[in-house]
Amino acid sequence: MADAAQALQALLQVMRQLRDPESGCPWDQQQTFASIAPYTLEEAYEVAAAIDAGDPQQLRDELGDLLFQVVFHAQMASERGWFDFAAVAQAIHDKLVRRHPHVFAGAQAGDARTQSRMWEELKAAERATESAKANRAASALEGIPRALPALARAAKIGRRAARVGFDWQETAQVRAKVLEEVREVDAALAAGAHAAVTEEMGDLLFALANWSLHLQIDPEEALRHANLKFERRFRHMETLAAARGLSLQALTPSEWDALWNQAKRM
């Protein structure tokens, strides 16, 4: 613990020096919450990429980069007199203790499914309390960040709505909804209305996200793996084409199909 505390204090001191108005780094001095936010998101994605890669050293480094983002935001907040890093750490400490009464308060423990349900119930109660403090009506969709990737946010919205009973009863009903949305995309295409096609395509993607949930699949994770699979196969096609002296731009559809089928067998 002492080593962790010392390392964290050293990191916090580095951050203070970088932001020092007189002797700090000009780039770090100029940053704001808004300018740093894209880097925070990027570092979170790089942590996920390191996990996918199964590389412990890369994961360690990316976690460090993500931690630095937290330290950066906390330092800027401290400069405004809002809160400091200690307050951030204390807040998450208190939240974890509050949301794990079966560990810290002697409450009865259940299986993982029971604990997940309890966690969501506690979160819902906290959101209701925050809404009451802000004098606004509580919503089951409260607190879903708009900055989430759209597919991940669609899944989160679907889960929240389902918890209060707004959901299809059967998976087959969701599949039927997906097919309905496909037909509506086709109708919008036939009408030549680009805005309508965009809207209907969004409805289709939202329906697909909900179908994934009914199949107990995380749509964001599924699409991420599909992206990786396509990238791996496409790069293999490029390698095959280069080995045969072929120009990608000059390939015929049948040649592309042949390369793709070969790449799928790798």
C-alpha atoms as a PDB file:
ATOM      1  CA  MET A   1       0.000   0.000   0.000  1.00  0.00           C
ATOM      2  CA  ALA A   2       2.851   2.367   0.849  1.00  0.00           C
ATOM      3  CA  ASP A   3       4.373   1.889  -2.601  1.00  0.00           C
ATOM      4  CA  ALA A   4       1.009   2.591  -4.272  1.00  0.00           C
ATOM      5  CA  ALA A   5       0.459   5.695  -2.133  1.00  0.00           C
ATOM      6  CA  GLN A   6       3.950   7.001  -2.879  1.00  0.00           C
ATOM      7  CA  ALA A   7       3.586   6.363  -6.612  1.00  0.00           C
ATOM      8  CA  LEU A   8       0.219   8.128  -6.667  1.00  0.00           C
ATOM      9  CA  GLN A   9       1.552  11.130  -4.737  1.00  0.00           C
ATOM     10  CA  ALA A  10       4.447  11.371  -7.198  1.00  0.00           C
ATOM     11  CA  LEU A  11       1.999  11.307 -10.117  1.00  0.00           C
ATOM     12  CA  LEU A  12      -0.155  14.013  -8.532  1.00  0.00           C
ATOM     13  CA  GLN A  13       2.972  16.153  -8.027  1.00  0.00           C
ATOM     14  CA  VAL A  14       3.944  15.717 -11.695  1.00  0.00           C
ATOM     15  CA  MET A  15       0.462  16.876 -12.678  1.00  0.00           C
ATOM     16  CA  ARG A  16       0.700  19.945 -10.460  1.00  0.00           C
ATOM     17  CA  GLN A  17       4.065  20.835 -11.998  1.00  0.00           C
ATOM     18  CA  LEU A  18       2.741  20.394 -15.540  1.00  0.00           C
ATOM     19  CA  ARG A  19      -0.135  22.790 -14.779  1.00  0.00           C
ATOM     20  CA  ASP A  20       1.948  25.313 -12.847  1.00  0.00           C
ATOM     21  CA  PRO A  21       1.089  28.752 -14.335  1.00  0.00           C
ATOM     22  CA  GLU A  22       4.689  29.918 -14.370  1.00  0.00           C
ATOM     23  CA  SER A  23       6.953  26.867 -14.734  1.00  0.00           C
ATOM     24  CA  GLY A  24       4.619  24.280 -16.222  1.00  0.00           C
ATOM     25  CA  CYS A  25       4.207  22.900 -19.739  1.00  0.00           C
ATOM     26  CA  PRO A  26       2.497  25.389 -22.101  1.00  0.00           C
ATOM     27  CA  TRP A  27       0.373  22.647 -23.681  1.00  0.00           C
ATOM     28  CA  ASP A  28      -0.830  21.261 -20.342  1.00  0.00           C
ATOM     29  CA  GLN A  29      -1.499  24.786 -19.050  1.00  0.00           C
ATOM     30  CA  GLN A  30      -3.833  25.509 -21.967  1.00  0.00           C
ATOM     31  CA  GLN A  31      -6.019  22.421 -21.615  1.00  0.00           C
ATOM     32  CA  THR A  32      -9.623  22.454 -20.406  1.00  0.00           C
ATOM     33  CA  PHE A  33     -12.122  19.755 -19.470  1.00  0.00           C
ATOM     34  CA  ALA A  34     -13.555  19.928 -22.980  1.00  0.00           C
ATOM     35  CA  SER A  35     -10.191  19.684 -24.740  1.00  0.00           C
ATOM     36  CA  ILE A  36      -9.057  16.743 -22.603  1.00  0.00           C
ATOM     37  CA  ALA A  37     -12.325  14.779 -22.811  1.00  0.00           C
ATOM     38  CA  PRO A  38     -11.549  13.221 -26.253  1.00  0.00           C
ATOM     39  CA  TYR A  39      -8.220  11.949 -24.915  1.00  0.00           C
ATOM     40  CA  THR A  40      -9.999  10.436 -21.906  1.00  0.00           C
ATOM     41  CA  LEU A  41     -12.320   8.497 -24.205  1.00  0.00           C
ATOM     42  CA  GLU A  42      -9.412   7.458 -26.427  1.00  0.00           C
ATOM     43  CA  GLU A  43      -7.437   6.116 -23.467  1.00  0.00           C
ATOM     44  CA  ALA A  44     -10.436   4.070 -22.300  1.00  0.00           C
ATOM     45  CA  TYR A  45     -10.665   2.497 -25.760  1.00  0.00           C
ATOM     46  CA  GLU A  46      -6.941   1.759 -25.698  1.00  0.00           C
ATOM     47  CA  VAL A  47      -7.391  -0.089 -22.398  1.00  0.00           C
ATOM     48  CA  ALA A  48     -10.067  -2.209 -24.101  1.00  0.00           C
ATOM     49  CA  ALA A  49      -7.710  -2.829 -27.038  1.00  0.00           C
ATOM     50  CA  ALA A  50      -4.957  -3.969 -24.670  1.00  0.00           C
ATOM     51  CA  ILE A  51      -7.379  -6.384 -23.021  1.00  0.00           C
ATOM     52  CA  ASP A  52      -8.354  -7.764 -26.435  1.00  0.00           C
ATOM     53  CA  ALA A  53      -4.659  -8.169 -27.268  1.00  0.00           C
ATOM     54  CA  GLY A  54      -4.026 -10.108 -24.047  1.00  0.00           C
ATOM     55  CA  ASP A  55      -0.826  -8.129 -23.488  1.00  0.00           C
ATOM     56  CA  PRO A  56      -0.170  -7.512 -19.738  1.00  0.00           C
ATOM     57  CA  GLN A  57       2.532  -4.878 -20.267  1.00  0.00           C
ATOM     58  CA  GLN A  58       0.408  -2.991 -22.782  1.00  0.00           C
ATOM     59  CA  LEU A  59      -2.535  -3.164 -20.378  1.00  0.00           C
ATOM     60  CA  ARG A  60      -0.373  -1.776 -17.554  1.00  0.00           C
ATOM     61  CA  ASP A  61       0.755   1.126 -19.727  1.00  0.00           C
ATOM     62  CA  GLU A  62      -2.733   1.915 -20.986  1.00  0.00           C
ATOM     63  CA  LEU A  63      -4.180   1.813 -17.478  1.00  0.00           C
ATOM     64  CA  GLY A  64      -1.497   4.327 -16.514  1.00  0.00           C
ATOM     65  CA  ASP A  65      -2.533   6.591 -19.382  1.00  0.00           C
ATOM     66  CA  LEU A  66      -6.171   6.334 -18.276  1.00  0.00           C
ATOM     67  CA  LEU A  67      -5.247   7.069 -14.658  1.00  0.00           C
ATOM     68  CA  PHE A  68      -3.386  10.157 -15.830  1.00  0.00           C
ATOM     69  CA  GLN A  69      -6.604  11.380 -17.441  1.00  0.00           C
ATOM     70  CA  VAL A  70      -8.388  11.120 -14.080  1.00  0.00           C
ATOM     71  CA  VAL A  71      -5.514  12.966 -12.403  1.00  0.00           C
ATOM     72  CA  PHE A  72      -5.597  15.667 -15.106  1.00  0.00           C
ATOM     73  CA  HIS A  73      -9.339  16.310 -14.677  1.00  0.00           C
ATOM     74  CA  ALA A  74      -9.016  16.298 -10.883  1.00  0.00           C
ATOM     75  CA  GLN A  75      -6.183  18.841 -11.016  1.00  0.00           C
ATOM     76  CA  MET A  76      -8.211  21.199 -13.213  1.00  0.00           C
ATOM     77  CA  ALA A  77     -11.171  20.825 -10.839  1.00  0.00           C
ATOM     78  CA  SER A  78      -8.910  21.575  -7.867  1.00  0.00           C
ATOM     79  CA  GLU A  79      -7.693  24.762  -9.558  1.00  0.00           C
ATOM     80  CA  ARG A  80     -11.321  25.902  -9.773  1.00  0.00           C
ATOM     81  CA  GLY A  81     -11.974  25.044  -6.155  1.00  0.00           C
ATOM     82  CA  TRP A  82     -14.442  22.291  -7.020  1.00  0.00           C
ATOM     83  CA  PHE A  83     -12.767  19.142  -5.667  1.00  0.00           C
ATOM     84  CA  ASP A  84      -9.405  17.390  -5.722  1.00  0.00           C
ATOM     85  CA  PHE A  85      -8.179  13.856  -6.448  1.00  0.00           C
ATOM     86  CA  ALA A  86      -8.692  12.807  -2.824  1.00  0.00           C
ATOM     87  CA  ALA A  87     -12.361  13.756  -3.093  1.00  0.00           C
ATOM     88  CA  VAL A  88     -12.674  11.710  -6.298  1.00  0.00           C
ATOM     89  CA  ALA A  89     -11.130   8.675  -4.599  1.00  0.00           C
ATOM     90  CA  GLN A  90     -13.277   9.134  -1.480  1.00  0.00           C
ATOM     91  CA  ALA A  91     -16.455   9.421  -3.548  1.00  0.00           C
ATOM     92  CA  ILE A  92     -15.858   6.151  -5.407  1.00  0.00           C
ATOM     93  CA  HIS A  93     -14.797   4.461  -2.148  1.00  0.00           C
ATOM     94  CA  ASP A  94     -18.058   5.468  -0.479  1.00  0.00           C
ATOM     95  CA  LYS A  95     -20.106   4.446  -3.514  1.00  0.00           C
ATOM     96  CA  LEU A  96     -18.547   0.977  -3.663  1.00  0.00           C
ATOM     97  CA  VAL A  97     -19.140   0.408   0.047  1.00  0.00           C
ATOM     98  CA  ARG A  98     -22.734   1.649  -0.271  1.00  0.00           C
ATOM     99  CA  ARG A  99     -23.458  -0.576  -3.263  1.00  0.00           C
ATOM    100  CA  HIS A 100     -21.980  -3.728  -1.690  1.00  0.00           C
ATOM    101  CA  PRO A 101     -23.929  -4.115   1.564  1.00  0.00           C
ATOM    102  CA  HIS A 102     -23.428  -7.895   1.350  1.00  0.00           C
ATOM    103  CA  VAL A 103     -19.675  -7.315   1.715  1.00  0.00           C
ATOM    104  CA  PHE A 104     -19.448  -4.282   4.009  1.00  0.00           C
ATOM    105  CA  ALA A 105     -22.724  -4.174   5.950  1.00  0.00           C
ATOM    106  CA  GLY A 106     -23.484  -7.812   6.679  1.00  0.00           C
ATOM    107  CA  ALA A 107     -26.387  -8.074   4.254  1.00  0.00           C
ATOM    108  CA  GLN A 108     -27.274 -11.486   2.875  1.00  0.00           C
ATOM    109  CA  ALA A 109     -25.245 -12.421  -0.202  1.00  0.00           C
ATOM    110  CA  GLY A 110     -26.771 -14.188  -3.197  1.00  0.00           C
ATOM    111  CA  ASP A 111     -25.515 -15.379  -6.541  1.00  0.00           C
ATOM    112  CA  ALA A 112     -24.060 -13.113  -9.234  1.00  0.00           C
ATOM    113  CA  ARG A 113     -27.494 -12.515 -10.802  1.00  0.00           C
ATOM    114  CA  THR A 114     -28.952 -11.462  -7.448  1.00  0.00           C
ATOM    115  CA  GLN A 115     -26.050  -9.133  -6.803  1.00  0.00           C
ATOM    116  CA  SER A 116     -26.423  -7.577 -10.251  1.00  0.00           C
ATOM    117  CA  ARG A 117     -30.102  -6.911  -9.561  1.00  0.00           C
ATOM    118  CA  MET A 118     -29.306  -5.399  -6.142  1.00  0.00           C
ATOM    119  CA  TRP A 119     -26.634  -3.208  -7.739  1.00  0.00           C
ATOM    120  CA  GLU A 120     -29.106  -1.834 -10.261  1.00  0.00           C
ATOM    121  CA  GLU A 121     -31.743  -1.267  -7.580  1.00  0.00           C
ATOM    122  CA  LEU A 122     -29.269   0.690  -5.463  1.00  0.00           C
ATOM    123  CA  LYS A 123     -28.212   2.744  -8.494  1.00  0.00           C
ATOM    124  CA  ALA A 124     -31.852   3.473  -9.323  1.00  0.00           C
ATOM    125  CA  ALA A 125     -32.487   4.622  -5.749  1.00  0.00           C
ATOM    126  CA  GLU A 126     -29.454   6.918  -5.941  1.00  0.00           C
ATOM    127  CA  ARG A 127     -30.663   8.395  -9.238  1.00  0.00           C
ATOM    128  CA  ALA A 128     -34.083   9.028  -7.732  1.00  0.00           C
ATOM    129  CA  THR A 129     -32.483  10.793  -4.774  1.00  0.00           C
ATOM    130  CA  GLU A 130     -30.380  12.976  -7.077  1.00  0.00           C
ATOM    131  CA  SER A 131     -33.441  13.847  -9.168  1.00  0.00           C
ATOM    132  CA  ALA A 132     -35.351  14.835  -6.018  1.00  0.00           C
ATOM    133  CA  LYS A 133     -32.458  17.054  -4.911  1.00  0.00           C
ATOM    134  CA  ALA A 134     -32.459  18.733  -8.321  1.00  0.00           C
ATOM    135  CA  ASN A 135     -36.254  19.114  -8.162  1.00  0.00           C
ATOM    136  CA  ARG A 136     -36.834  17.210 -11.390  1.00  0.00           C
ATOM    137  CA  ALA A 137     -38.897  14.145 -12.231  1.00  0.00           C
ATOM    138  CA  ALA A 138     -37.008  10.878 -11.910  1.00  0.00           C
ATOM    139  CA  SER A 139     -36.477   8.901 -15.114  1.00  0.00           C
ATOM    140  CA  ALA A 140     -35.441   5.307 -15.672  1.00  0.00           C
ATOM    141  CA  LEU A 141     -33.071   6.689 -18.320  1.00  0.00           C
ATOM    142  CA  GLU A 142     -31.398   9.152 -15.956  1.00  0.00           C
ATOM    143  CA  GLY A 143     -27.624   9.360 -16.114  1.00  0.00           C
ATOM    144  CA  ILE A 144     -26.958   7.528 -19.377  1.00  0.00           C
ATOM    145  CA  PRO A 145     -24.031   9.497 -20.848  1.00  0.00           C
ATOM    146  CA  ARG A 146     -24.675  10.961 -24.280  1.00  0.00           C
ATOM    147  CA  ALA A 147     -20.970  10.641 -25.040  1.00  0.00           C
ATOM    148  CA  LEU A 148     -21.168   6.837 -25.030  1.00  0.00           C
ATOM    149  CA  PRO A 149     -20.700   5.161 -28.412  1.00  0.00           C
ATOM    150  CA  ALA A 150     -24.159   5.132 -29.989  1.00  0.00           C
ATOM    151  CA  LEU A 151     -24.461   1.342 -30.063  1.00  0.00           C
ATOM    152  CA  ALA A 152     -23.397   0.982 -26.431  1.00  0.00           C
ATOM    153  CA  ARG A 153     -25.825   3.745 -25.447  1.00  0.00           C
ATOM    154  CA  ALA A 154     -28.653   2.049 -27.354  1.00  0.00           C
ATOM    155  CA  ALA A 155     -28.012  -1.136 -25.369  1.00  0.00           C
ATOM    156  CA  LYS A 156     -27.944   0.760 -22.081  1.00  0.00           C
ATOM    157  CA  ILE A 157     -31.206   2.535 -22.925  1.00  0.00           C
ATOM    158  CA  GLY A 158     -32.764  -0.809 -23.833  1.00  0.00           C
ATOM    159  CA  ARG A 159     -31.670  -2.398 -20.558  1.00  0.00           C
ATOM    160  CA  ARG A 160     -33.010   0.494 -18.479  1.00  0.00           C
ATOM    161  CA  ALA A 161     -36.360   0.497 -20.271  1.00  0.00           C
ATOM    162  CA  ALA A 162     -36.637  -3.276 -19.846  1.00  0.00           C
ATOM    163  CA  ARG A 163     -36.104  -3.018 -16.087  1.00  0.00           C
ATOM    164  CA  VAL A 164     -39.293  -0.999 -15.706  1.00  0.00           C
ATOM    165  CA  GLY A 165     -41.264  -3.348 -17.979  1.00  0.00           C
ATOM    166  CA  PHE A 166     -40.974  -1.653 -21.378  1.00  0.00           C
ATOM    167  CA  ASP A 167     -39.718  -4.568 -23.426  1.00  0.00           C
ATOM    168  CA  TRP A 168     -40.765  -7.348 -25.759  1.00  0.00           C
ATOM    169  CA  GLN A 169     -41.894 -10.537 -24.042  1.00  0.00           C
ATOM    170  CA  GLU A 170     -40.333 -12.900 -26.545  1.00  0.00           C
ATOM    171  CA  THR A 171     -37.093 -12.799 -28.532  1.00  0.00           C
ATOM    172  CA  ALA A 172     -39.077 -13.657 -31.668  1.00  0.00           C
ATOM    173  CA  GLN A 173     -40.926 -10.351 -31.290  1.00  0.00           C
ATOM    174  CA  VAL A 174     -37.661  -8.434 -31.383  1.00  0.00           C
ATOM    175  CA  ARG A 175     -36.596 -10.330 -34.496  1.00  0.00           C
ATOM    176  CA  ALA A 176     -39.904  -9.403 -36.125  1.00  0.00           C
ATOM    177  CA  LYS A 177     -39.238  -5.756 -35.217  1.00  0.00           C
ATOM    178  CA  VAL A 178     -35.804  -5.953 -36.863  1.00  0.00           C
ATOM    179  CA  LEU A 179     -37.371  -7.284 -40.072  1.00  0.00           C
ATOM    180  CA  GLU A 180     -40.028  -4.548 -39.909  1.00  0.00           C
ATOM    181  CA  GLU A 181     -37.296  -1.918 -39.676  1.00  0.00           C
ATOM    182  CA  VAL A 182     -35.501  -3.485 -42.676  1.00  0.00           C
ATOM    183  CA  ARG A 183     -38.698  -3.123 -44.698  1.00  0.00           C
ATOM    184  CA  GLU A 184     -39.012   0.509 -43.609  1.00  0.00           C
ATOM    185  CA  VAL A 185     -35.441   1.188 -44.745  1.00  0.00           C
ATOM    186  CA  ASP A 186     -36.332  -0.369 -48.111  1.00  0.00           C
ATOM    187  CA  ALA A 187     -39.450   1.810 -48.358  1.00  0.00           C
ATOM    188  CA  ALA A 188     -37.470   4.954 -47.590  1.00  0.00           C
ATOM    189  CA  LEU A 189     -34.880   3.973 -50.207  1.00  0.00           C
ATOM    190  CA  ALA A 190     -37.622   3.431 -52.781  1.00  0.00           C
ATOM    191  CA  ALA A 191     -38.997   6.880 -51.992  1.00  0.00           C
ATOM    192  CA  GLY A 192     -35.552   8.410 -52.499  1.00  0.00           C
ATOM    193  CA  ALA A 193     -35.728  10.311 -49.211  1.00  0.00           C
ATOM    194  CA  HIS A 194     -32.233  10.414 -47.733  1.00  0.00           C
ATOM    195  CA  ALA A 195     -33.344  11.915 -44.405  1.00  0.00           C
ATOM    196  CA  ALA A 196     -35.940   9.164 -44.023  1.00  0.00           C
ATOM    197  CA  VAL A 197     -33.368   6.495 -44.888  1.00  0.00           C
ATOM    198  CA  THR A 198     -31.083   7.883 -42.174  1.00  0.00           C
ATOM    199  CA  GLU A 199     -33.888   7.829 -39.626  1.00  0.00           C
ATOM    200  CA  GLU A 200     -35.017   4.310 -40.521  1.00  0.00           C
ATOM    201  CA  MET A 201     -31.451   3.015 -40.494  1.00  0.00           C
ATOM    202  CA  GLY A 202     -31.113   4.403 -36.970  1.00  0.00           C
ATOM    203  CA  ASP A 203     -34.304   2.594 -35.955  1.00  0.00           C
ATOM    204  CA  LEU A 204     -32.914  -0.616 -37.468  1.00  0.00           C
ATOM    205  CA  LEU A 205     -29.648  -0.323 -35.550  1.00  0.00           C
ATOM    206  CA  PHE A 206     -31.561   0.361 -32.328  1.00  0.00           C
ATOM    207  CA  ALA A 207     -33.726  -2.721 -32.922  1.00  0.00           C
ATOM    208  CA  LEU A 208     -30.611  -4.823 -33.593  1.00  0.00           C
ATOM    209  CA  ALA A 209     -29.130  -3.643 -30.294  1.00  0.00           C
ATOM    210  CA  ASN A 210     -32.257  -4.782 -28.469  1.00  0.00           C
ATOM    211  CA  TRP A 211     -32.304  -8.110 -30.299  1.00  0.00           C
ATOM    212  CA  SER A 212     -28.726  -8.656 -29.137  1.00  0.00           C
ATOM    213  CA  LEU A 213     -29.768  -8.004 -25.538  1.00  0.00           C
ATOM    214  CA  HIS A 214     -32.536 -10.595 -25.794  1.00  0.00           C
ATOM    215  CA  LEU A 215     -29.944 -13.059 -27.065  1.00  0.00           C
ATOM    216  CA  GLN A 216     -27.742 -12.120 -24.057  1.00  0.00           C
ATOM    217  CA  ILE A 217     -25.112 -10.590 -26.341  1.00  0.00           C
ATOM    218  CA  ASP A 218     -23.455  -7.217 -25.762  1.00  0.00           C
ATOM    219  CA  PRO A 219     -23.898  -5.530 -29.175  1.00  0.00           C
ATOM    220  CA  GLU A 220     -20.915  -3.213 -28.687  1.00  0.00           C
ATOM    221  CA  GLU A 221     -18.628  -6.144 -27.914  1.00  0.00           C
ATOM    222  CA  ALA A 222     -20.051  -8.173 -30.801  1.00  0.00           C
ATOM    223  CA  LEU A 223     -19.456  -5.340 -33.268  1.00  0.00           C
ATOM    224  CA  ARG A 224     -15.969  -4.692 -31.922  1.00  0.00           C
ATOM    225  CA  HIS A 225     -15.031  -8.312 -32.550  1.00  0.00           C
ATOM    226  CA  ALA A 226     -16.636  -8.175 -36.007  1.00  0.00           C
ATOM    227  CA  ASN A 227     -14.507  -5.113 -36.787  1.00  0.00           C
ATOM    228  CA  LEU A 228     -11.365  -6.932 -35.684  1.00  0.00           C
ATOM    229  CA  LYS A 229     -12.283 -10.000 -37.739  1.00  0.00           C
ATOM    230  CA  PHE A 230     -12.916  -7.916 -40.860  1.00  0.00           C
ATOM    231  CA  GLU A 231      -9.666  -5.999 -40.373  1.00  0.00           C
ATOM    232  CA  ARG A 232      -7.696  -9.233 -39.932  1.00  0.00           C
ATOM    233  CA  ARG A 233      -9.190 -10.753 -43.094  1.00  0.00           C
ATOM    234  CA  PHE A 234      -8.790  -7.575 -45.140  1.00  0.00           C
ATOM    235  CA  ARG A 235      -5.126  -7.268 -44.182  1.00  0.00           C
ATOM    236  CA  HIS A 236      -4.639 -10.899 -45.182  1.00  0.00           C
ATOM    237  CA  MET A 237      -6.229 -10.152 -48.571  1.00  0.00           C
ATOM    238  CA  GLU A 238      -3.807  -7.251 -49.008  1.00  0.00           C
ATOM    239  CA  THR A 239      -0.907  -9.590 -48.222  1.00  0.00           C
ATOM    240  CA  LEU A 240      -2.162 -12.191 -50.695  1.00  0.00           C
ATOM    241  CA  ALA A 241      -2.641  -9.595 -53.422  1.00  0.00           C
ATOM    242  CA  ALA A 242       0.826  -8.128 -52.861  1.00  0.00           C
ATOM    243  CA  ALA A 243       2.410 -11.589 -53.009  1.00  0.00           C
ATOM    244  CA  ARG A 244       0.762 -12.146 -56.395  1.00  0.00           C
ATOM    245  CA  GLY A 245       1.671  -8.728 -57.749  1.00  0.00           C
ATOM    246  CA  LEU A 246      -1.986  -7.647 -57.896  1.00  0.00           C
ATOM    247  CA  SER A 247      -3.213  -4.063 -57.523  1.00  0.00           C
ATOM    248  CA  LEU A 248      -6.198  -3.850 -55.178  1.00  0.00           C
ATOM    249  CA  GLN A 249      -7.788  -1.063 -57.208  1.00  0.00           C
ATOM    250  CA  ALA A 250      -7.635  -3.206 -60.355  1.00  0.00           C
ATOM    251  CA  LEU A 251      -9.225  -6.346 -58.884  1.00  0.00           C
ATOM    252  CA  THR A 252     -12.490  -7.565 -60.379  1.00  0.00           C
ATOM    253  CA  PRO A 253     -15.433  -8.539 -58.132  1.00  0.00           C
ATOM    254  CA  SER A 254     -14.681 -12.233 -58.718  1.00  0.00           C
ATOM    255  CA  GLU A 255     -11.018 -11.720 -57.758  1.00  0.00           C
ATOM    256  CA  TRP A 256     -12.084  -9.908 -54.579  1.00  0.00           C
ATOM    257  CA  ASP A 257     -14.427 -12.819 -53.759  1.00  0.00           C
ATOM    258  CA  ALA A 258     -11.621 -15.334 -54.285  1.00  0.00           C
ATOM    259  CA  LEU A 259      -9.270 -13.410 -51.992  1.00  0.00           C
ATOM    260  CA  TRP A 260     -11.993 -12.965 -49.371  1.00  0.00           C
ATOM    261  CA  ASN A 261     -12.846 -16.659 -49.353  1.00  0.00           C
ATOM    262  CA  GLN A 262      -9.179 -17.511 -48.972  1.00  0.00           C
ATOM    263  CA  ALA A 263      -8.792 -15.008 -46.149  1.00  0.00           C
ATOM    264  CA  LYS A 264     -11.788 -16.534 -44.358  1.00  0.00           C
ATOM    265  CA  ARG A 265      -9.992 -19.876 -44.286  1.00  0.00           C
ATOM    266  CA  MET A 266      -6.931 -18.468 -42.522  1.00  0.00           C
END
